[in-house]
């Protein structure tokens, strides 16, 4: 650890939406925080800045480097124990793993449009998006569609706005939305699109998404302490509240801890699970999404995973109102990191996990 230093942060800096838009689930668009040459800070200094003068800050960092695996809790007067964090949009990679499993089982075809699986109204002049377009955020769907009768009351009560959107509302939107031809094929991060995949999975397996994902992460992935948020579990506070079987669960509802997330990191790095290896293969190009000073690149996208070909890193991040997270790895070098934080993005002096993660990966790779 470096010694704690007081740093004067000068100007406001906006991370471009192209990268940090994917940190947010739903209605967040971008963030600004006080910074001065943030890109010259080491990982330790980034953590120090985030926890300084914040007694509630709790950041758990884990890494795998070859055969070595370790984790540590950063915070003021915090015990080295396991805590439960919302992982936000990292949930999408688990939903993608379910889709990949269905593909391996010949239950889904990437090129099929969603009306092959869902009982939707037929269309004469346009078609519904296919499975691959949903997985790669190139379907043309927006991040979400506003449901006034559901979202406004929850917002006024300080709740997760998307947590009450029903599957019937999602189906209705699918049938109503006419996709813009200019948007189809373009990368546009969509929580709505991933939620549609949840409906497809339910239709195929005739089982609700919550049961499907809980079975997969517990029985097939060995993650025993990971679950869907909203059931009053967890040892931290301010978790998002979700209605049972809410439509947007597949896009950002998972709660997990560092031990389980290191298991998830390990099986993604190992390729032993064939469906997980499938999710890392590039399906679409993404142009112009980069922040070089922070080693943040999106050059392509697999099945929800962001692909950084500059640094040979496969990654995803997540954020809810009160948590943010990052998972990233270099398969070839067998180095990976997980960062779980109970700090909302935009809080004073808090460095997002999406900035700390690549920095730690680069530092670990330089030690090789």
Protein backbone atom coordinates (compact mmCIF):
# COMPACT_ATOMS: atom_id res chain seq x y z
CA UNK A 1 0.00 0.00 0.00
CA UNK A 2 1.09 3.56 -0.62
CA UNK A 3 0.96 6.10 2.19
CA UNK A 4 -2.24 8.08 2.31
CA UNK A 5 -1.87 11.40 0.57
CA UNK A 6 -4.15 14.38 0.28
CA UNK A 7 -4.69 15.15 -3.36
CA UNK A 8 -6.21 18.28 -4.72
CA UNK A 9 -8.48 17.46 -7.55
CA UNK A 10 -8.99 20.29 -9.98
CA UNK A 11 -11.20 20.16 -13.00
CA UNK A 12 -14.23 18.00 -13.76
CA UNK A 13 -13.69 15.26 -16.25
CA UNK A 14 -16.42 13.47 -18.22
CA UNK A 15 -15.70 9.90 -19.23
CA UNK A 16 -17.29 9.43 -22.58
CA UNK A 17 -20.63 7.72 -22.67
CA UNK A 18 -19.44 5.10 -25.15
CA UNK A 19 -17.56 3.28 -22.40
CA UNK A 20 -19.11 4.33 -19.12
CA UNK A 21 -22.63 4.19 -20.43
CA UNK A 22 -22.34 0.44 -19.97
CA UNK A 23 -21.58 0.89 -16.27
CA UNK A 24 -25.12 1.97 -15.66
CA UNK A 25 -28.29 -0.03 -15.58
CA UNK A 26 -31.19 1.86 -17.07
CA UNK A 27 -31.47 5.54 -16.45
CA UNK A 28 -27.85 6.55 -15.66
CA UNK A 29 -26.05 8.05 -18.64
CA UNK A 30 -22.63 9.26 -17.61
CA UNK A 31 -20.65 10.51 -14.61
CA UNK A 32 -18.30 13.29 -13.61
CA UNK A 33 -15.93 13.35 -10.69
CA UNK A 34 -13.19 15.66 -9.51
CA UNK A 35 -9.91 14.55 -10.94
CA UNK A 36 -6.47 15.78 -11.80
CA UNK A 37 -4.44 13.51 -14.03
CA UNK A 38 -6.25 10.46 -12.69
CA UNK A 39 -4.51 8.32 -15.29
CA UNK A 40 -1.11 8.75 -13.59
CA UNK A 41 -2.30 7.17 -10.33
CA UNK A 42 -1.34 3.64 -9.39
CA UNK A 43 -4.00 1.14 -8.41
CA UNK A 44 -3.22 1.61 -4.72
CA UNK A 45 -3.53 5.37 -5.08
CA UNK A 46 -6.88 5.00 -6.82
CA UNK A 47 -8.17 2.90 -3.94
CA UNK A 48 -6.76 5.35 -1.39
CA UNK A 49 -8.55 8.22 -3.09
CA UNK A 50 -11.83 6.29 -3.09
CA UNK A 51 -11.87 5.36 0.59
CA UNK A 52 -10.29 8.53 2.00
CA UNK A 53 -12.57 10.39 4.42
CA UNK A 54 -15.37 7.90 3.80
CA UNK A 55 -15.97 5.58 6.71
CA UNK A 56 -18.64 3.67 4.77
CA UNK A 57 -16.41 2.85 1.81
CA UNK A 58 -15.95 -0.86 1.30
CA UNK A 59 -14.03 -2.11 -1.75
CA UNK A 60 -13.18 -5.77 -2.15
CA UNK A 61 -10.52 -6.65 -4.71
CA UNK A 62 -9.66 -10.14 -5.91
CA UNK A 63 -7.23 -11.43 -8.51
CA UNK A 64 -6.02 -14.59 -10.17
CA UNK A 65 -2.46 -14.76 -11.45
CA UNK A 66 -1.66 -18.20 -12.78
CA UNK A 67 -2.12 -20.61 -9.89
CA UNK A 68 -2.29 -17.81 -7.32
CA UNK A 69 -5.63 -16.42 -6.16
CA UNK A 70 -6.20 -13.82 -3.46
CA UNK A 71 -8.57 -11.10 -2.29
CA UNK A 72 -8.51 -8.13 0.07
CA UNK A 73 -11.00 -5.68 1.58
CA UNK A 74 -10.10 -1.98 1.46
CA UNK A 75 -11.79 0.48 3.79
CA UNK A 76 -11.42 2.27 7.08
CA UNK A 77 -11.47 -0.16 10.01
CA UNK A 78 -12.90 -2.97 7.90
CA UNK A 79 -12.42 -6.63 8.73
CA UNK A 80 -11.05 -8.95 6.08
CA UNK A 81 -14.35 -10.73 5.60
CA UNK A 82 -16.67 -11.57 2.72
CA UNK A 83 -19.37 -9.03 1.85
CA UNK A 84 -22.33 -9.19 -0.53
CA UNK A 85 -22.38 -6.68 -3.40
CA UNK A 86 -24.73 -5.93 -6.25
CA UNK A 87 -22.77 -6.59 -9.44
CA UNK A 88 -25.18 -4.77 -11.75
CA UNK A 89 -24.66 -5.42 -15.43
CA UNK A 90 -22.15 -8.22 -14.89
CA UNK A 91 -25.43 -10.13 -14.58
CA UNK A 92 -25.67 -9.87 -18.36
CA UNK A 93 -22.68 -12.17 -18.82
CA UNK A 94 -24.47 -14.82 -16.75
CA UNK A 95 -27.61 -14.42 -18.85
CA UNK A 96 -25.39 -14.84 -21.92
CA UNK A 97 -23.96 -18.03 -20.41
CA UNK A 98 -27.51 -19.41 -20.21
CA UNK A 99 -28.06 -18.52 -23.87
CA UNK A 100 -24.75 -20.18 -24.82
CA UNK A 101 -25.78 -23.28 -22.90
CA UNK A 102 -29.04 -23.36 -24.86
CA UNK A 103 -27.07 -23.04 -28.11
CA UNK A 104 -24.83 -25.97 -27.14
CA UNK A 105 -28.01 -27.95 -26.43
CA UNK A 106 -29.39 -26.96 -29.88
CA UNK A 107 -32.28 -25.14 -28.23
CA UNK A 108 -31.38 -21.69 -29.65
CA UNK A 109 -29.89 -20.52 -32.92
CA UNK A 110 -28.04 -17.20 -33.00
CA UNK A 111 -29.56 -16.30 -36.35
CA UNK A 112 -33.17 -16.90 -35.33
CA UNK A 113 -35.36 -13.86 -34.77
CA UNK A 114 -37.05 -13.67 -31.40
CA UNK A 115 -40.53 -14.38 -32.81
CA UNK A 116 -39.32 -17.93 -33.46
CA UNK A 117 -39.42 -18.40 -29.68
CA UNK A 118 -41.87 -15.77 -28.40
CA UNK A 119 -45.61 -15.59 -29.20
CA UNK A 120 -45.45 -12.17 -30.87
CA UNK A 121 -47.72 -10.48 -33.38
CA UNK A 122 -46.61 -11.12 -36.94
CA UNK A 123 -45.07 -8.26 -38.90
CA UNK A 124 -45.42 -7.47 -42.58
CA UNK A 125 -42.99 -4.62 -43.22
CA UNK A 126 -40.23 -5.30 -40.69
CA UNK A 127 -38.71 -8.13 -38.70
CA UNK A 128 -37.84 -8.65 -35.07
CA UNK A 129 -34.14 -8.73 -34.09
CA UNK A 130 -32.24 -11.99 -33.90
CA UNK A 131 -30.56 -13.53 -30.88
CA UNK A 132 -27.05 -12.46 -31.90
CA UNK A 133 -28.09 -8.82 -32.24
CA UNK A 134 -29.49 -8.84 -28.71
CA UNK A 135 -26.33 -10.40 -27.27
CA UNK A 136 -24.10 -7.83 -28.98
CA UNK A 137 -26.26 -4.75 -28.30
CA UNK A 138 -26.69 -4.18 -32.04
CA UNK A 139 -30.43 -4.86 -32.28
CA UNK A 140 -31.42 -1.20 -32.48
CA UNK A 141 -33.29 -1.34 -29.18
CA UNK A 142 -32.83 1.59 -26.79
CA UNK A 143 -31.32 1.17 -23.33
CA UNK A 144 -34.88 0.88 -21.97
CA UNK A 145 -38.37 2.16 -22.74
CA UNK A 146 -40.17 4.34 -20.26
CA UNK A 147 -43.20 2.86 -18.55
CA UNK A 148 -44.86 5.81 -16.85
CA UNK A 149 -47.33 3.93 -14.70
CA UNK A 150 -44.61 1.69 -13.27
CA UNK A 151 -41.45 3.78 -13.21
CA UNK A 152 -42.69 7.12 -11.86
CA UNK A 153 -44.17 5.74 -8.60
CA UNK A 154 -41.02 3.73 -7.92
CA UNK A 155 -38.80 6.72 -8.67
CA UNK A 156 -40.78 8.92 -6.30
CA UNK A 157 -40.34 6.27 -3.60
CA UNK A 158 -36.59 6.15 -4.20
CA UNK A 159 -36.72 2.65 -5.67
CA UNK A 160 -35.12 1.02 -8.70
CA UNK A 161 -37.32 2.29 -11.55
CA UNK A 162 -36.98 -0.83 -13.68
CA UNK A 163 -37.60 -3.19 -10.79
CA UNK A 164 -41.36 -3.15 -11.30
CA UNK A 165 -41.60 -3.46 -15.08
CA UNK A 166 -43.56 -6.62 -15.85
CA UNK A 167 -43.03 -9.21 -18.55
CA UNK A 168 -46.38 -8.28 -20.10
CA UNK A 169 -45.15 -4.69 -20.42
CA UNK A 170 -41.95 -5.95 -22.04
CA UNK A 171 -43.87 -8.08 -24.55
CA UNK A 172 -46.12 -5.13 -25.39
CA UNK A 173 -43.09 -2.93 -26.03
CA UNK A 174 -41.46 -5.55 -28.24
CA UNK A 175 -44.56 -5.60 -30.42
CA UNK A 176 -44.93 -1.80 -30.49
CA UNK A 177 -41.35 -0.75 -31.18
CA UNK A 178 -40.43 -0.28 -34.82
CA UNK A 179 -36.66 -0.34 -35.00
CA UNK A 180 -34.87 2.42 -36.88
CA UNK A 181 -32.88 0.99 -39.78
CA UNK A 182 -30.07 3.44 -39.02
CA UNK A 183 -29.71 1.97 -35.53
CA UNK A 184 -29.81 -1.69 -36.48
CA UNK A 185 -26.28 -3.08 -36.50
CA UNK A 186 -24.89 -0.19 -34.44
CA UNK A 187 -23.60 -0.75 -30.91
CA UNK A 188 -26.17 0.69 -28.50
CA UNK A 189 -26.00 -0.76 -25.00
CA UNK A 190 -29.47 -2.12 -24.24
CA UNK A 191 -30.83 -3.42 -20.97
CA UNK A 192 -34.10 -3.92 -22.80
CA UNK A 193 -32.48 -6.25 -25.32
CA UNK A 194 -30.89 -8.46 -22.67
CA UNK A 195 -34.23 -8.61 -20.86
CA UNK A 196 -35.84 -9.86 -24.06
CA UNK A 197 -33.31 -12.70 -24.01
CA UNK A 198 -34.61 -13.56 -20.55
CA UNK A 199 -38.08 -14.02 -22.03
CA UNK A 200 -36.66 -16.25 -24.76
CA UNK A 201 -34.91 -18.44 -22.19
CA UNK A 202 -38.09 -18.75 -20.16
CA UNK A 203 -40.06 -19.79 -23.21
CA UNK A 204 -37.50 -22.40 -24.21
CA UNK A 205 -37.11 -24.00 -20.80
CA UNK A 206 -40.63 -23.29 -19.53
CA UNK A 207 -39.16 -21.99 -16.30
CA UNK A 208 -38.85 -18.49 -14.85
CA UNK A 209 -35.54 -16.64 -15.18
CA UNK A 210 -34.88 -16.54 -11.44
CA UNK A 211 -35.04 -20.33 -11.21
CA UNK A 212 -32.95 -20.77 -14.35
CA UNK A 213 -30.13 -18.47 -13.24
CA UNK A 214 -30.11 -19.75 -9.65
CA UNK A 215 -29.77 -23.33 -10.87
CA UNK A 216 -27.02 -22.39 -13.29
CA UNK A 217 -24.87 -20.37 -10.91
CA UNK A 218 -25.27 -22.75 -7.98
CA UNK A 219 -25.24 -26.20 -9.56
CA UNK A 220 -23.28 -25.72 -12.77
CA UNK A 221 -20.92 -22.91 -11.77
CA UNK A 222 -20.49 -23.78 -8.10
CA UNK A 223 -21.37 -20.29 -6.86
CA UNK A 224 -23.24 -20.99 -3.64
CA UNK A 225 -23.59 -17.41 -2.38
CA UNK A 226 -24.91 -15.60 -5.43
CA UNK A 227 -28.57 -14.73 -5.92
CA UNK A 228 -31.16 -12.39 -7.40
CA UNK A 229 -31.46 -9.15 -5.45
CA UNK A 230 -34.68 -8.10 -3.77
CA UNK A 231 -35.24 -10.79 -1.15
CA UNK A 232 -33.70 -8.93 1.81
CA UNK A 233 -30.56 -11.06 1.79
CA UNK A 234 -27.08 -9.60 2.07
CA UNK A 235 -24.89 -8.10 4.76
CA UNK A 236 -24.62 -4.59 3.30
CA UNK A 237 -27.32 -1.96 2.72
CA UNK A 238 -29.23 -0.14 -0.03
CA UNK A 239 -29.75 -3.06 -2.37
CA UNK A 240 -32.13 -2.53 -5.25
CA UNK A 241 -35.69 -3.73 -4.72
CA UNK A 242 -37.19 -5.93 -7.43
CA UNK A 243 -40.67 -7.31 -7.92
CA UNK A 244 -40.79 -11.09 -8.20
CA UNK A 245 -40.01 -12.10 -11.80
CA UNK A 246 -39.54 -8.50 -12.95
CA UNK A 247 -38.78 -8.25 -16.66
CA UNK A 248 -35.38 -6.56 -16.29
CA UNK A 249 -33.87 -9.10 -13.88
CA UNK A 250 -31.65 -10.64 -16.62
CA UNK A 251 -29.92 -7.29 -17.17
CA UNK A 252 -28.70 -6.41 -13.68
CA UNK A 253 -30.16 -8.12 -10.60
CA UNK A 254 -27.38 -10.39 -9.30
CA UNK A 255 -25.83 -10.05 -5.82
CA UNK A 256 -22.59 -11.91 -5.14
CA UNK A 257 -19.43 -11.90 -3.04
CA UNK A 258 -15.73 -12.00 -3.81
CA UNK A 259 -15.34 -15.74 -3.28
CA UNK A 260 -18.10 -16.57 -5.76
CA UNK A 261 -16.92 -13.94 -8.24
CA UNK A 262 -13.42 -15.41 -8.18
CA UNK A 263 -15.00 -18.78 -8.98
CA UNK A 264 -16.80 -17.13 -11.88
CA UNK A 265 -13.58 -15.46 -13.01
CA UNK A 266 -11.71 -18.76 -12.82
CA UNK A 267 -14.17 -20.78 -14.90
CA UNK A 268 -14.28 -18.04 -17.53
CA UNK A 269 -10.49 -18.01 -17.72
CA UNK A 270 -10.16 -21.79 -17.83
CA UNK A 271 -12.41 -22.56 -20.84
CA UNK A 272 -13.39 -25.85 -19.20
CA UNK A 273 -17.04 -24.84 -19.55
CA UNK A 274 -17.65 -24.89 -23.29
CA UNK A 275 -20.59 -22.47 -23.17
CA UNK A 276 -18.47 -19.87 -21.37
CA UNK A 277 -15.71 -20.11 -23.96
CA UNK A 278 -18.37 -19.56 -26.59
CA UNK A 279 -19.44 -16.29 -24.94
CA UNK A 280 -15.95 -14.79 -25.39
CA UNK A 281 -15.83 -15.17 -29.17
CA UNK A 282 -16.15 -11.90 -31.06
CA UNK A 283 -19.50 -11.53 -32.81
CA UNK A 284 -19.48 -7.81 -33.65
CA UNK A 285 -17.05 -4.93 -34.12
CA UNK A 286 -17.34 -1.80 -32.01
CA UNK A 287 -15.68 1.31 -33.37
CA UNK A 288 -14.59 4.38 -31.45
CA UNK A 289 -15.19 3.27 -27.85
CA UNK A 290 -11.95 3.89 -26.03
CA UNK A 291 -10.32 5.92 -23.29
CA UNK A 292 -6.62 5.35 -23.86
CA UNK A 293 -5.30 7.05 -20.72
CA UNK A 294 -7.26 4.56 -18.60
CA UNK A 295 -6.50 1.50 -20.78
CA UNK A 296 -10.21 1.21 -21.54
CA UNK A 297 -11.13 -0.17 -24.94
CA UNK A 298 -14.14 -1.80 -26.55
CA UNK A 299 -12.91 -3.08 -29.91
CA UNK A 300 -15.48 -5.82 -30.24
CA UNK A 301 -18.18 -7.66 -28.38
CA UNK A 302 -18.89 -11.31 -27.77
CA UNK A 303 -21.99 -12.62 -26.06
CA UNK A 304 -22.33 -9.48 -23.88
CA UNK A 305 -18.57 -9.52 -23.00
CA UNK A 306 -16.55 -6.45 -24.04
CA UNK A 307 -13.40 -7.32 -25.98
CA UNK A 308 -10.28 -5.16 -25.68
CA UNK A 309 -7.96 -6.37 -28.44
CA UNK A 310 -5.39 -3.66 -27.61
CA UNK A 311 -4.61 -5.28 -24.27
CA UNK A 312 -6.02 -8.77 -24.90
CA UNK A 313 -8.61 -8.30 -22.15
CA UNK A 314 -12.15 -9.63 -21.92
CA UNK A 315 -14.23 -7.58 -19.50
CA UNK A 316 -17.54 -6.29 -18.24
CA UNK A 317 -18.63 -3.87 -15.57
CA UNK A 318 -21.74 -3.00 -13.63
CA UNK A 319 -23.36 -0.29 -11.58
CA UNK A 320 -26.51 0.22 -9.58
CA UNK A 321 -27.53 3.21 -7.51
CA UNK A 322 -25.19 2.26 -4.67
CA UNK A 323 -22.66 -0.22 -6.07
CA UNK A 324 -20.20 -0.56 -8.94
CA UNK A 325 -18.08 -3.46 -10.13
CA UNK A 326 -15.64 -4.79 -12.70
CA UNK A 327 -14.45 -8.19 -13.93
CA UNK A 328 -11.69 -8.55 -16.51
CA UNK A 329 -9.10 -11.10 -17.59
CA UNK A 330 -6.37 -12.01 -20.04
CA UNK A 331 -6.85 -15.67 -20.91
CA UNK A 332 -3.47 -16.06 -22.53
CA UNK A 333 -1.56 -14.62 -19.56
CA UNK A 334 -3.97 -16.25 -17.08
CA UNK A 335 -4.41 -13.02 -15.15
CA UNK A 336 -7.77 -11.70 -14.02
CA UNK A 337 -9.29 -9.29 -11.51
CA UNK A 338 -12.60 -8.62 -9.80
CA UNK A 339 -13.45 -5.34 -8.07
CA UNK A 340 -16.59 -4.95 -5.97
CA UNK A 341 -17.45 -1.56 -4.45
CA UNK A 342 -20.30 -0.29 -2.30
CA UNK A 343 -19.77 3.25 -3.59
CA UNK A 344 -22.06 4.79 -6.22
CA UNK A 345 -20.35 6.14 -9.32
CA UNK A 346 -20.03 9.92 -9.13
CA UNK A 347 -19.48 10.09 -5.39
CA UNK A 348 -16.78 12.63 -4.50
CA UNK A 349 -13.23 11.37 -5.18
CA UNK A 350 -14.46 7.83 -5.86
CA UNK A 351 -12.63 6.16 -8.72
CA UNK A 352 -14.97 3.76 -10.59
CA UNK A 353 -14.16 0.05 -10.54
CA UNK A 354 -14.06 0.28 -14.34
CA UNK A 355 -10.98 2.50 -14.07
CA UNK A 356 -9.31 0.62 -11.22
CA UNK A 357 -9.78 -2.78 -12.86
CA UNK A 358 -7.72 -2.21 -16.03
CA UNK A 359 -5.06 -0.41 -13.97
CA UNK A 360 -4.65 -3.41 -11.68
CA UNK A 361 -4.59 -5.78 -14.65
CA UNK A 362 -1.84 -3.75 -16.32
CA UNK A 363 0.20 -3.68 -13.11
CA UNK A 364 -0.11 -7.45 -12.69
CA UNK A 365 0.82 -8.06 -16.31
CA UNK A 366 3.91 -5.85 -15.96
CA UNK A 367 5.12 -8.06 -13.13
CA UNK A 368 5.27 -11.05 -15.47
